[in-house]
Amino acid sequence: MINFEEELKKFHPSLEIDQAEEAIYNQDLTDMADLLVNLIRESQEEEQ
C-alpha cells in the first residue's frame, strides 16, 4: 500500500518554465549533427 507521508517527503517540485529553459540551454550537449560536422572537418583537414 502507498504511504503518502513517505511519498510526500520524496517530492521535489518541478522547475518553473524559465528555470527549466535556462537549465536546458546552459548545457553544452553534442548531438549527432555536431559529431558529423566534426568528422567531416577532420577528414577534410587530413586530405590537405
Protein backbone atom coordinates (compact mmCIF):
# COMPACT_ATOMS: atom_id res chain seq x y z
CA MET A 1 0.00 0.00 0.00
CA ILE A 2 1.21 3.52 -0.71
CA ASN A 3 2.46 5.51 2.24
CA PHE A 4 1.54 9.06 1.30
CA GLU A 5 3.67 10.63 4.03
CA GLU A 6 6.82 8.94 2.66
CA GLU A 7 5.92 9.85 -0.89
CA LEU A 8 5.43 13.50 0.11
CA LYS A 9 8.91 13.51 1.69
CA LYS A 10 10.38 12.36 -1.67
CA PHE A 11 8.52 15.03 -3.62
CA HIS A 12 10.60 17.71 -5.36
CA PRO A 13 8.70 20.46 -7.15
CA SER A 14 9.38 20.75 -10.85
CA LEU A 15 11.30 23.72 -12.17
CA GLU A 16 9.39 26.72 -13.37
CA ILE A 17 9.37 27.17 -17.14
CA ASP A 18 12.05 29.88 -17.07
CA GLN A 19 14.30 27.85 -14.79
CA ALA A 20 13.86 24.71 -16.86
CA GLU A 21 14.55 26.59 -20.09
CA GLU A 22 17.70 28.11 -18.61
CA ALA A 23 18.90 24.73 -17.33
CA ILE A 24 18.37 23.14 -20.74
CA TYR A 25 20.02 25.89 -22.76
CA ASN A 26 23.03 26.13 -20.43
CA GLN A 27 24.00 22.52 -21.04
CA ASP A 28 26.63 22.01 -23.71
CA LEU A 29 25.26 18.95 -25.43
CA THR A 30 26.77 17.41 -28.52
CA ASP A 31 24.24 15.91 -30.90
CA MET A 32 24.70 13.72 -33.96
CA ALA A 33 24.84 16.72 -36.30
CA ASP A 34 27.76 18.18 -34.29
CA LEU A 35 29.58 14.84 -34.40
CA LEU A 36 29.13 14.52 -38.16
CA VAL A 37 30.33 18.09 -38.79
CA ASN A 38 33.44 17.40 -36.70
CA LEU A 39 34.14 14.15 -38.55
CA ILE A 40 33.81 15.87 -41.92
CA ARG A 41 36.12 18.70 -40.86
CA GLU A 42 38.72 16.25 -39.58
CA SER A 43 38.61 14.19 -42.76
CA GLN A 44 38.97 17.33 -44.91
CA GLU A 45 41.93 18.50 -42.84
CA GLU A 46 43.63 15.12 -43.22
CA GLU A 47 43.21 15.26 -47.01
CA GLN A 48 45.03 18.61 -47.25
